[in-house]
N, C-alpha and C. Protein backbone atom coordinates (compact mmCIF):
# COMPACT_ATOMS: atom_id res chain seq x y z
N MET A 1 -124.59 85.70 -120.46
CA MET A 1 -125.51 86.51 -119.70
C MET A 1 -125.61 85.99 -118.28
N ARG A 2 -125.66 84.67 -118.12
CA ARG A 2 -125.84 84.11 -116.79
C ARG A 2 -124.67 84.47 -115.87
N GLU A 3 -123.44 84.36 -116.36
CA GLU A 3 -122.28 84.67 -115.53
C GLU A 3 -122.22 86.15 -115.18
N MET A 4 -122.53 87.01 -116.14
CA MET A 4 -122.53 88.44 -115.86
C MET A 4 -123.57 88.80 -114.82
N ALA A 5 -124.76 88.21 -114.92
CA ALA A 5 -125.85 88.54 -114.02
C ALA A 5 -125.55 88.09 -112.59
N CYS A 6 -124.71 87.08 -112.43
CA CYS A 6 -124.41 86.57 -111.10
C CYS A 6 -123.34 87.39 -110.40
N GLY A 7 -122.75 88.37 -111.07
CA GLY A 7 -121.68 89.16 -110.50
C GLY A 7 -122.14 90.00 -109.33
N SER A 8 -121.18 90.42 -108.53
CA SER A 8 -121.48 91.17 -107.31
C SER A 8 -122.01 92.57 -107.59
N GLN A 9 -121.93 93.06 -108.83
CA GLN A 9 -122.42 94.40 -109.13
C GLN A 9 -123.93 94.51 -108.92
N TYR A 10 -124.65 93.39 -108.83
CA TYR A 10 -126.09 93.41 -108.61
C TYR A 10 -126.46 93.08 -107.17
N SER A 11 -125.51 92.68 -106.35
CA SER A 11 -125.78 92.30 -104.97
C SER A 11 -126.38 93.48 -104.21
N GLY A 12 -127.55 93.25 -103.64
CA GLY A 12 -128.23 94.28 -102.87
C GLY A 12 -129.04 95.27 -103.69
N ALA A 13 -128.90 95.25 -105.01
CA ALA A 13 -129.65 96.17 -105.86
C ALA A 13 -131.09 95.70 -106.00
N ARG A 14 -132.01 96.64 -106.03
CA ARG A 14 -133.42 96.32 -106.28
C ARG A 14 -133.61 96.33 -107.79
N VAL A 15 -133.87 95.16 -108.36
CA VAL A 15 -133.93 94.99 -109.80
C VAL A 15 -135.34 94.59 -110.22
N LEU A 16 -135.88 95.30 -111.20
CA LEU A 16 -137.17 94.95 -111.77
C LEU A 16 -136.93 94.28 -113.12
N VAL A 17 -137.49 93.09 -113.28
CA VAL A 17 -137.42 92.37 -114.55
C VAL A 17 -138.84 92.28 -115.09
N THR A 18 -139.12 93.02 -116.18
CA THR A 18 -140.45 92.93 -116.78
C THR A 18 -140.49 91.73 -117.72
N GLY A 19 -141.68 91.16 -117.87
CA GLY A 19 -141.80 89.95 -118.68
C GLY A 19 -141.17 88.77 -117.98
N ALA A 20 -141.14 88.79 -116.64
CA ALA A 20 -140.37 87.82 -115.85
C ALA A 20 -140.80 86.37 -116.03
N SER A 21 -141.99 86.15 -116.54
CA SER A 21 -142.42 84.76 -116.76
C SER A 21 -142.01 84.25 -118.14
N GLY A 22 -141.39 85.11 -118.94
CA GLY A 22 -140.93 84.71 -120.27
C GLY A 22 -139.63 83.94 -120.24
N PHE A 23 -139.27 83.38 -121.37
CA PHE A 23 -138.11 82.50 -121.47
C PHE A 23 -136.81 83.19 -121.05
N ILE A 24 -136.45 84.29 -121.68
CA ILE A 24 -135.17 84.96 -121.38
C ILE A 24 -135.22 85.64 -120.02
N ALA A 25 -136.31 86.35 -119.75
CA ALA A 25 -136.42 87.11 -118.49
C ALA A 25 -136.40 86.20 -117.27
N SER A 26 -137.02 85.02 -117.36
CA SER A 26 -137.03 84.12 -116.21
C SER A 26 -135.62 83.62 -115.90
N ARG A 27 -134.82 83.36 -116.93
CA ARG A 27 -133.43 82.93 -116.71
C ARG A 27 -132.61 84.05 -116.12
N LEU A 28 -132.84 85.27 -116.59
CA LEU A 28 -132.13 86.44 -116.06
C LEU A 28 -132.49 86.66 -114.59
N ALA A 29 -133.79 86.61 -114.28
CA ALA A 29 -134.23 86.83 -112.89
C ALA A 29 -133.60 85.80 -111.95
N GLU A 30 -133.56 84.56 -112.39
CA GLU A 30 -132.96 83.51 -111.56
C GLU A 30 -131.48 83.79 -111.31
N ALA A 31 -130.75 84.18 -112.35
CA ALA A 31 -129.32 84.48 -112.20
C ALA A 31 -129.09 85.71 -111.33
N LEU A 32 -129.92 86.73 -111.50
CA LEU A 32 -129.80 87.93 -110.65
C LEU A 32 -130.04 87.59 -109.18
N GLY A 33 -131.04 86.74 -108.93
CA GLY A 33 -131.32 86.32 -107.56
C GLY A 33 -130.15 85.57 -106.95
N ARG A 34 -129.54 84.69 -107.74
CA ARG A 34 -128.35 83.97 -107.25
C ARG A 34 -127.20 84.93 -106.96
N GLY A 35 -127.16 86.06 -107.68
CA GLY A 35 -126.10 87.04 -107.48
C GLY A 35 -126.36 88.00 -106.33
N GLY A 36 -127.47 87.83 -105.64
CA GLY A 36 -127.74 88.65 -104.46
C GLY A 36 -128.62 89.86 -104.70
N ALA A 37 -129.21 89.97 -105.89
CA ALA A 37 -130.11 91.09 -106.16
C ALA A 37 -131.47 90.85 -105.51
N ASP A 38 -132.14 91.93 -105.16
CA ASP A 38 -133.52 91.89 -104.69
C ASP A 38 -134.39 91.98 -105.94
N VAL A 39 -134.79 90.83 -106.48
CA VAL A 39 -135.45 90.77 -107.79
C VAL A 39 -136.97 90.87 -107.64
N HIS A 40 -137.52 91.83 -108.37
CA HIS A 40 -138.96 91.99 -108.49
C HIS A 40 -139.33 91.65 -109.92
N GLY A 41 -140.28 90.72 -110.08
CA GLY A 41 -140.71 90.31 -111.41
C GLY A 41 -142.04 90.93 -111.76
N ASN A 42 -142.26 91.10 -113.05
CA ASN A 42 -143.52 91.65 -113.54
C ASN A 42 -143.96 90.91 -114.79
N ALA A 43 -145.25 90.71 -114.92
CA ALA A 43 -145.90 90.24 -116.15
C ALA A 43 -147.37 90.64 -116.03
N ARG A 44 -148.10 90.50 -117.12
CA ARG A 44 -149.52 90.87 -117.08
C ARG A 44 -150.32 89.99 -116.13
N ARG A 45 -149.93 88.73 -116.04
CA ARG A 45 -150.65 87.78 -115.18
C ARG A 45 -149.67 87.10 -114.23
N THR A 46 -150.16 86.76 -113.06
CA THR A 46 -149.35 86.03 -112.08
C THR A 46 -149.12 84.61 -112.59
N PRO A 47 -147.86 84.15 -112.59
CA PRO A 47 -147.57 82.80 -113.07
C PRO A 47 -148.16 81.76 -112.10
N PRO A 48 -148.41 80.54 -112.59
CA PRO A 48 -149.02 79.51 -111.74
C PRO A 48 -148.13 79.05 -110.58
N SER A 49 -146.84 79.23 -110.69
CA SER A 49 -145.94 78.84 -109.60
C SER A 49 -144.87 79.93 -109.44
N PRO A 50 -144.25 79.99 -108.26
CA PRO A 50 -143.22 81.02 -108.03
C PRO A 50 -142.08 80.91 -109.05
N LEU A 51 -141.52 82.05 -109.40
CA LEU A 51 -140.40 82.09 -110.35
C LEU A 51 -139.09 82.07 -109.58
N PRO A 52 -138.18 81.15 -109.92
CA PRO A 52 -136.89 81.08 -109.22
C PRO A 52 -136.15 82.42 -109.29
N GLY A 53 -135.65 82.86 -108.15
CA GLY A 53 -134.88 84.10 -108.09
C GLY A 53 -135.70 85.34 -107.85
N VAL A 54 -137.01 85.27 -108.05
CA VAL A 54 -137.87 86.45 -107.89
C VAL A 54 -138.37 86.51 -106.45
N ASN A 55 -138.03 87.61 -105.76
CA ASN A 55 -138.45 87.78 -104.37
C ASN A 55 -139.89 88.24 -104.26
N MET A 56 -140.32 89.07 -105.21
CA MET A 56 -141.69 89.62 -105.18
C MET A 56 -142.18 89.72 -106.61
N PHE A 57 -143.39 89.23 -106.86
CA PHE A 57 -143.96 89.29 -108.19
C PHE A 57 -145.09 90.32 -108.20
N HIS A 58 -145.16 91.10 -109.28
CA HIS A 58 -146.17 92.15 -109.42
C HIS A 58 -146.89 91.98 -110.76
N ALA A 59 -148.16 91.60 -110.73
CA ALA A 59 -148.94 91.51 -111.96
C ALA A 59 -149.40 92.92 -112.33
N ALA A 60 -149.02 93.36 -113.53
CA ALA A 60 -149.42 94.67 -114.02
C ALA A 60 -149.25 94.70 -115.53
N ASP A 61 -150.19 95.32 -116.21
CA ASP A 61 -150.11 95.50 -117.66
C ASP A 61 -149.42 96.83 -117.92
N LEU A 62 -148.21 96.79 -118.44
CA LEU A 62 -147.43 98.01 -118.67
C LEU A 62 -148.06 98.91 -119.72
N ALA A 63 -148.94 98.39 -120.54
CA ALA A 63 -149.64 99.22 -121.54
C ALA A 63 -150.70 100.09 -120.88
N ASN A 64 -151.03 99.80 -119.63
CA ASN A 64 -151.96 100.62 -118.85
C ASN A 64 -151.12 101.59 -118.02
N PRO A 65 -151.21 102.91 -118.30
CA PRO A 65 -150.34 103.86 -117.61
C PRO A 65 -150.51 103.88 -116.10
N ASP A 66 -151.72 103.67 -115.60
CA ASP A 66 -151.94 103.66 -114.15
C ASP A 66 -151.28 102.45 -113.50
N GLN A 67 -151.47 101.26 -114.11
CA GLN A 67 -150.85 100.05 -113.56
C GLN A 67 -149.33 100.16 -113.62
N CYS A 68 -148.81 100.71 -114.71
CA CYS A 68 -147.36 100.85 -114.86
C CYS A 68 -146.81 101.82 -113.81
N GLY A 69 -147.46 102.96 -113.65
CA GLY A 69 -147.02 103.94 -112.66
C GLY A 69 -147.05 103.38 -111.25
N ASN A 70 -148.12 102.64 -110.92
CA ASN A 70 -148.22 102.02 -109.59
C ASN A 70 -147.10 101.01 -109.37
N LEU A 71 -146.77 100.24 -110.40
CA LEU A 71 -145.69 99.27 -110.30
C LEU A 71 -144.37 99.97 -109.96
N ILE A 72 -144.05 101.02 -110.68
CA ILE A 72 -142.77 101.72 -110.46
C ILE A 72 -142.75 102.40 -109.09
N ARG A 73 -143.86 103.00 -108.69
CA ARG A 73 -143.91 103.63 -107.36
C ARG A 73 -143.80 102.60 -106.24
N THR A 74 -144.32 101.40 -106.47
CA THR A 74 -144.24 100.34 -105.46
C THR A 74 -142.84 99.75 -105.38
N VAL A 75 -142.26 99.42 -106.52
CA VAL A 75 -140.96 98.74 -106.54
C VAL A 75 -139.81 99.72 -106.30
N ARG A 76 -139.86 100.91 -106.90
CA ARG A 76 -138.78 101.90 -106.83
C ARG A 76 -137.43 101.25 -107.18
N PRO A 77 -137.32 100.72 -108.41
CA PRO A 77 -136.14 99.94 -108.79
C PRO A 77 -134.88 100.78 -108.98
N ASP A 78 -133.74 100.14 -108.67
CA ASP A 78 -132.43 100.72 -108.99
C ASP A 78 -132.08 100.41 -110.44
N ILE A 79 -132.42 99.19 -110.87
CA ILE A 79 -132.07 98.69 -112.20
C ILE A 79 -133.31 98.04 -112.80
N VAL A 80 -133.52 98.28 -114.09
CA VAL A 80 -134.67 97.69 -114.79
C VAL A 80 -134.18 96.97 -116.04
N PHE A 81 -134.63 95.73 -116.19
CA PHE A 81 -134.45 94.98 -117.42
C PHE A 81 -135.84 94.84 -118.03
N HIS A 82 -136.10 95.59 -119.08
CA HIS A 82 -137.43 95.58 -119.70
C HIS A 82 -137.46 94.55 -120.83
N LEU A 83 -137.97 93.35 -120.48
CA LEU A 83 -138.04 92.25 -121.43
C LEU A 83 -139.48 91.87 -121.78
N ALA A 84 -140.45 92.58 -121.20
CA ALA A 84 -141.85 92.30 -121.53
C ALA A 84 -142.10 92.69 -122.98
N SER A 85 -142.84 91.84 -123.69
CA SER A 85 -143.06 92.09 -125.11
C SER A 85 -144.17 91.20 -125.63
N HIS A 86 -144.83 91.68 -126.66
CA HIS A 86 -145.74 90.82 -127.42
C HIS A 86 -144.92 90.34 -128.62
N VAL A 87 -144.56 89.07 -128.61
CA VAL A 87 -143.66 88.53 -129.63
C VAL A 87 -144.48 87.87 -130.74
N SER A 88 -144.29 88.38 -131.94
CA SER A 88 -144.93 87.79 -133.11
C SER A 88 -144.20 88.27 -134.36
N GLY A 89 -143.81 87.35 -135.18
CA GLY A 89 -143.15 87.70 -136.43
C GLY A 89 -144.13 87.79 -137.60
N ARG A 90 -145.41 87.61 -137.29
CA ARG A 90 -146.42 87.65 -138.35
C ARG A 90 -146.47 89.03 -138.99
N GLN A 91 -146.76 89.04 -140.25
CA GLN A 91 -146.77 90.30 -141.01
C GLN A 91 -148.19 90.66 -141.45
N ASP A 92 -149.15 90.50 -140.53
CA ASP A 92 -150.52 90.79 -140.90
C ASP A 92 -151.11 91.91 -140.05
N LEU A 93 -152.23 92.41 -140.50
CA LEU A 93 -152.88 93.55 -139.85
C LEU A 93 -153.31 93.23 -138.42
N GLU A 94 -153.69 91.99 -138.15
CA GLU A 94 -154.16 91.62 -136.82
C GLU A 94 -153.06 91.76 -135.76
N THR A 95 -151.82 91.76 -136.16
CA THR A 95 -150.70 91.85 -135.22
C THR A 95 -150.37 93.29 -134.83
N VAL A 96 -150.83 94.24 -135.59
CA VAL A 96 -150.44 95.65 -135.38
C VAL A 96 -150.83 96.14 -134.00
N ALA A 97 -152.09 96.03 -133.61
CA ALA A 97 -152.54 96.57 -132.32
C ALA A 97 -151.84 95.89 -131.15
N ALA A 98 -151.70 94.57 -131.21
CA ALA A 98 -151.07 93.84 -130.11
C ALA A 98 -149.61 94.23 -129.92
N THR A 99 -148.86 94.37 -131.01
CA THR A 99 -147.44 94.74 -130.89
C THR A 99 -147.30 96.23 -130.53
N LEU A 100 -148.20 97.06 -131.03
CA LEU A 100 -148.18 98.48 -130.66
C LEU A 100 -148.34 98.63 -129.15
N ASN A 101 -149.35 97.98 -128.59
CA ASN A 101 -149.60 98.08 -127.15
C ASN A 101 -148.57 97.35 -126.32
N GLY A 102 -148.27 96.11 -126.69
CA GLY A 102 -147.37 95.30 -125.88
C GLY A 102 -145.91 95.68 -125.96
N ASN A 103 -145.51 96.34 -127.04
CA ASN A 103 -144.10 96.67 -127.23
C ASN A 103 -143.82 98.17 -127.15
N LEU A 104 -144.60 98.98 -127.85
CA LEU A 104 -144.32 100.41 -127.87
C LEU A 104 -145.00 101.15 -126.72
N VAL A 105 -146.31 101.03 -126.58
CA VAL A 105 -147.02 101.75 -125.51
C VAL A 105 -146.48 101.33 -124.15
N ALA A 106 -146.27 100.03 -123.96
CA ALA A 106 -145.72 99.55 -122.68
C ALA A 106 -144.35 100.16 -122.40
N ALA A 107 -143.48 100.22 -123.40
CA ALA A 107 -142.14 100.78 -123.21
C ALA A 107 -142.21 102.27 -122.88
N VAL A 108 -143.05 103.02 -123.58
CA VAL A 108 -143.17 104.46 -123.33
C VAL A 108 -143.75 104.70 -121.93
N ASN A 109 -144.76 103.93 -121.55
CA ASN A 109 -145.31 104.07 -120.19
C ASN A 109 -144.25 103.79 -119.14
N LEU A 110 -143.47 102.74 -119.36
CA LEU A 110 -142.42 102.38 -118.41
C LEU A 110 -141.37 103.48 -118.31
N LEU A 111 -140.89 103.96 -119.45
CA LEU A 111 -139.88 105.02 -119.44
C LEU A 111 -140.42 106.30 -118.81
N SER A 112 -141.67 106.63 -119.07
CA SER A 112 -142.29 107.82 -118.45
C SER A 112 -142.37 107.66 -116.94
N SER A 113 -142.83 106.50 -116.49
CA SER A 113 -142.96 106.25 -115.04
C SER A 113 -141.60 106.26 -114.35
N LEU A 114 -140.59 105.68 -115.01
CA LEU A 114 -139.24 105.68 -114.43
C LEU A 114 -138.67 107.09 -114.39
N SER A 115 -138.96 107.88 -115.40
CA SER A 115 -138.50 109.26 -115.42
C SER A 115 -139.11 110.05 -114.27
N GLU A 116 -140.40 109.86 -114.03
CA GLU A 116 -141.08 110.54 -112.93
C GLU A 116 -140.53 110.10 -111.58
N ALA A 117 -140.28 108.81 -111.42
CA ALA A 117 -139.81 108.27 -110.14
C ALA A 117 -138.38 108.69 -109.83
N GLY A 118 -137.53 108.70 -110.86
CA GLY A 118 -136.14 109.14 -110.67
C GLY A 118 -135.28 108.23 -109.83
N THR A 119 -135.61 106.94 -109.71
CA THR A 119 -134.82 106.04 -108.87
C THR A 119 -133.87 105.15 -109.65
N ALA A 120 -134.12 104.93 -110.93
CA ALA A 120 -133.35 103.95 -111.69
C ALA A 120 -131.96 104.46 -112.04
N ARG A 121 -130.95 103.63 -111.74
CA ARG A 121 -129.57 103.94 -112.12
C ARG A 121 -129.23 103.37 -113.48
N ALA A 122 -129.99 102.35 -113.92
CA ALA A 122 -129.75 101.74 -115.22
C ALA A 122 -131.04 101.10 -115.72
N ILE A 123 -131.31 101.26 -117.01
CA ILE A 123 -132.47 100.67 -117.65
C ILE A 123 -132.01 100.02 -118.94
N VAL A 124 -132.31 98.74 -119.09
CA VAL A 124 -131.96 98.03 -120.31
C VAL A 124 -133.26 97.62 -120.99
N THR A 125 -133.45 98.10 -122.22
CA THR A 125 -134.61 97.69 -123.01
C THR A 125 -134.15 96.63 -124.00
N ALA A 126 -135.08 95.76 -124.39
CA ALA A 126 -134.73 94.66 -125.28
C ALA A 126 -135.23 94.93 -126.69
N GLY A 127 -134.32 94.88 -127.63
CA GLY A 127 -134.66 95.01 -129.03
C GLY A 127 -134.70 93.64 -129.68
N SER A 128 -134.57 93.63 -130.98
CA SER A 128 -134.72 92.40 -131.73
C SER A 128 -133.84 92.41 -132.96
N CYS A 129 -133.54 91.22 -133.45
CA CYS A 129 -132.81 91.13 -134.71
C CYS A 129 -133.68 91.62 -135.87
N GLU A 130 -135.00 91.68 -135.65
CA GLU A 130 -135.91 92.13 -136.70
C GLU A 130 -135.93 93.64 -136.87
N GLU A 131 -135.51 94.38 -135.86
CA GLU A 131 -135.58 95.84 -136.02
C GLU A 131 -134.42 96.29 -136.91
N PRO A 132 -134.71 97.10 -137.91
CA PRO A 132 -133.65 97.51 -138.83
C PRO A 132 -132.62 98.40 -138.14
N ARG A 133 -131.37 98.16 -138.47
CA ARG A 133 -130.28 98.94 -137.88
C ARG A 133 -130.16 100.31 -138.54
N ASP A 134 -130.36 100.37 -139.84
CA ASP A 134 -130.18 101.60 -140.59
C ASP A 134 -131.50 101.95 -141.28
N PHE A 135 -132.41 102.53 -140.51
CA PHE A 135 -133.74 102.82 -141.04
C PHE A 135 -133.78 104.22 -141.65
N ARG A 136 -134.18 104.26 -142.92
CA ARG A 136 -134.43 105.54 -143.60
C ARG A 136 -135.83 105.45 -144.17
N GLN A 137 -136.69 106.32 -143.73
CA GLN A 137 -138.10 106.25 -144.08
C GLN A 137 -138.35 106.21 -145.59
N ALA A 138 -137.54 106.89 -146.35
CA ALA A 138 -137.75 106.95 -147.80
C ALA A 138 -137.28 105.70 -148.54
N ASP A 139 -136.56 104.82 -147.85
CA ASP A 139 -135.99 103.63 -148.49
C ASP A 139 -136.76 102.37 -148.06
N PRO A 140 -137.57 101.79 -148.95
CA PRO A 140 -138.36 100.62 -148.56
C PRO A 140 -137.49 99.41 -148.17
N GLU A 141 -136.26 99.37 -148.61
CA GLU A 141 -135.38 98.24 -148.27
C GLU A 141 -135.00 98.24 -146.79
N THR A 142 -135.04 99.40 -146.12
CA THR A 142 -134.66 99.45 -144.72
C THR A 142 -135.88 99.50 -143.79
N ALA A 143 -137.07 99.43 -144.32
CA ALA A 143 -138.29 99.49 -143.51
C ALA A 143 -138.42 98.24 -142.64
N PRO A 144 -139.04 98.36 -141.46
CA PRO A 144 -139.28 97.18 -140.62
C PRO A 144 -140.08 96.13 -141.39
N ALA A 145 -139.77 94.86 -141.15
CA ALA A 145 -140.38 93.76 -141.90
C ALA A 145 -141.66 93.23 -141.26
N SER A 146 -142.01 93.70 -140.06
CA SER A 146 -143.22 93.22 -139.37
C SER A 146 -143.69 94.29 -138.40
N PRO A 147 -144.95 94.20 -137.94
CA PRO A 147 -145.41 95.12 -136.89
C PRO A 147 -144.55 95.02 -135.63
N TYR A 148 -144.09 93.83 -135.31
CA TYR A 148 -143.20 93.63 -134.15
C TYR A 148 -141.93 94.45 -134.32
N ALA A 149 -141.30 94.34 -135.49
CA ALA A 149 -140.06 95.07 -135.75
C ALA A 149 -140.29 96.58 -135.72
N ALA A 150 -141.42 97.04 -136.25
CA ALA A 150 -141.73 98.47 -136.24
C ALA A 150 -141.90 98.99 -134.81
N ALA A 151 -142.60 98.22 -133.98
CA ALA A 151 -142.81 98.62 -132.59
C ALA A 151 -141.50 98.63 -131.81
N LYS A 152 -140.64 97.63 -132.06
CA LYS A 152 -139.34 97.58 -131.38
C LYS A 152 -138.45 98.74 -131.81
N LEU A 153 -138.49 99.08 -133.10
CA LEU A 153 -137.72 100.22 -133.61
C LEU A 153 -138.18 101.52 -132.95
N ALA A 154 -139.49 101.71 -132.88
CA ALA A 154 -140.03 102.92 -132.26
C ALA A 154 -139.71 102.97 -130.77
N ALA A 155 -139.78 101.83 -130.08
CA ALA A 155 -139.44 101.79 -128.66
C ALA A 155 -137.98 102.14 -128.44
N SER A 156 -137.11 101.67 -129.33
CA SER A 156 -135.70 102.02 -129.26
C SER A 156 -135.49 103.52 -129.43
N ALA A 157 -136.22 104.11 -130.38
CA ALA A 157 -136.14 105.56 -130.60
C ALA A 157 -136.61 106.33 -129.36
N TYR A 158 -137.68 105.86 -128.74
CA TYR A 158 -138.14 106.50 -127.51
C TYR A 158 -137.11 106.36 -126.39
N GLY A 159 -136.45 105.21 -126.31
CA GLY A 159 -135.39 105.05 -125.32
C GLY A 159 -134.30 106.09 -125.52
N GLY A 160 -133.92 106.31 -126.79
CA GLY A 160 -132.93 107.34 -127.09
C GLY A 160 -133.42 108.73 -126.73
N PHE A 161 -134.69 109.00 -126.99
CA PHE A 161 -135.29 110.28 -126.62
C PHE A 161 -135.22 110.50 -125.11
N PHE A 162 -135.63 109.50 -124.32
CA PHE A 162 -135.62 109.64 -122.86
C PHE A 162 -134.19 109.77 -122.33
N ARG A 163 -133.24 109.09 -122.97
CA ARG A 163 -131.84 109.21 -122.56
C ARG A 163 -131.33 110.62 -122.85
N LYS A 164 -131.61 111.13 -124.05
CA LYS A 164 -131.08 112.43 -124.48
C LYS A 164 -131.76 113.61 -123.78
N THR A 165 -133.07 113.59 -123.69
CA THR A 165 -133.77 114.77 -123.18
C THR A 165 -134.11 114.71 -121.70
N MET A 166 -134.29 113.51 -121.15
CA MET A 166 -134.68 113.38 -119.75
C MET A 166 -133.52 112.90 -118.87
N GLY A 167 -132.40 112.52 -119.50
CA GLY A 167 -131.25 112.04 -118.75
C GLY A 167 -131.46 110.66 -118.15
N LEU A 168 -132.44 109.91 -118.67
CA LEU A 168 -132.71 108.57 -118.16
C LEU A 168 -131.61 107.62 -118.65
N PRO A 169 -131.02 106.82 -117.77
CA PRO A 169 -129.91 105.94 -118.15
C PRO A 169 -130.38 104.69 -118.90
N VAL A 170 -130.75 104.86 -120.17
CA VAL A 170 -131.32 103.78 -120.98
C VAL A 170 -130.25 103.20 -121.91
N ALA A 171 -130.16 101.88 -121.93
CA ALA A 171 -129.34 101.16 -122.90
C ALA A 171 -130.26 100.21 -123.64
N HIS A 172 -129.97 99.96 -124.91
CA HIS A 172 -130.82 99.12 -125.74
C HIS A 172 -130.03 97.90 -126.18
N ALA A 173 -130.49 96.72 -125.79
CA ALA A 173 -129.84 95.47 -126.17
C ALA A 173 -130.63 94.82 -127.29
N ARG A 174 -129.96 94.50 -128.37
CA ARG A 174 -130.63 93.79 -129.47
C ARG A 174 -130.36 92.30 -129.31
N ILE A 175 -131.42 91.57 -129.00
CA ILE A 175 -131.30 90.14 -128.73
C ILE A 175 -131.60 89.36 -130.01
N PHE A 176 -130.70 88.46 -130.35
CA PHE A 176 -130.82 87.67 -131.57
C PHE A 176 -131.05 86.21 -131.24
N MET A 177 -132.19 85.67 -131.62
CA MET A 177 -132.50 84.25 -131.61
C MET A 177 -132.06 83.51 -130.34
N GLY A 178 -132.53 83.98 -129.19
CA GLY A 178 -132.23 83.29 -127.94
C GLY A 178 -132.93 81.95 -127.88
N TYR A 179 -132.25 80.95 -127.36
CA TYR A 179 -132.83 79.63 -127.18
C TYR A 179 -132.07 78.89 -126.10
N GLY A 180 -132.67 77.83 -125.57
CA GLY A 180 -131.99 77.04 -124.56
C GLY A 180 -132.93 76.09 -123.84
N PRO A 181 -132.40 75.42 -122.80
CA PRO A 181 -133.18 74.44 -122.05
C PRO A 181 -134.45 75.06 -121.47
N GLY A 182 -135.54 74.32 -121.57
CA GLY A 182 -136.79 74.77 -120.98
C GLY A 182 -137.61 75.68 -121.87
N GLN A 183 -137.14 75.98 -123.05
CA GLN A 183 -137.90 76.85 -123.94
C GLN A 183 -139.10 76.09 -124.48
N LEU A 184 -140.28 76.67 -124.32
CA LEU A 184 -141.50 75.97 -124.69
C LEU A 184 -142.08 76.43 -126.02
N ASP A 185 -141.43 77.33 -126.71
CA ASP A 185 -141.94 77.88 -127.97
C ASP A 185 -141.64 76.90 -129.10
N LEU A 186 -142.59 76.05 -129.39
CA LEU A 186 -142.37 75.01 -130.40
C LEU A 186 -142.65 75.50 -131.82
N VAL A 187 -142.86 76.79 -132.00
CA VAL A 187 -143.01 77.37 -133.33
C VAL A 187 -141.63 77.59 -133.94
N LYS A 188 -140.63 77.75 -133.08
CA LYS A 188 -139.27 78.02 -133.54
C LYS A 188 -138.53 76.71 -133.81
N LEU A 189 -137.55 76.77 -134.68
CA LEU A 189 -136.84 75.60 -135.15
C LEU A 189 -136.06 74.87 -134.04
N VAL A 190 -135.21 75.57 -133.31
CA VAL A 190 -134.33 74.90 -132.34
C VAL A 190 -135.11 74.22 -131.22
N PRO A 191 -136.07 74.89 -130.57
CA PRO A 191 -136.82 74.18 -129.50
C PRO A 191 -137.61 72.98 -130.03
N THR A 192 -138.06 73.07 -131.28
CA THR A 192 -138.80 71.96 -131.85
C THR A 192 -137.90 70.75 -132.00
């Protein structure tokens, strides 16, 4: 990912990285910045220190349609990497609302705002290894295993809807067990 992001295809492009203070997104933003992109970062809260590679940071909650729309109108991105997410593998009722808002509502608001703005040449949404590849509603074996997986699956479906009906250039990347230097998530095996 790092070598691809540093390529000249991003030089001069205005790139929005959502979830920019997160583990994967912060590494991507740094690599894009090294490659000459005009990187705009987003997260719900402003990080305590500047993020390497990010030229401008925008605090906005993508689950809030007004904040999301204002972000897109302000940045007017050419390329979007949507990595903002509420990450939780827990399978309990308390996780449902947080993953619904942080993963599905945020993604739909973002895709709607990008569709209205009409500036994005490419949009990459982030999926998960938890989202089922072959989901059939009648088959309990293929059902999502957590609220997180269900929200990611639904967000992927909405990405396909916006691509098919609105002509939005959406691609969906399924990220599997990312890890590396600087990862602070000590709940996971490898960083621990």
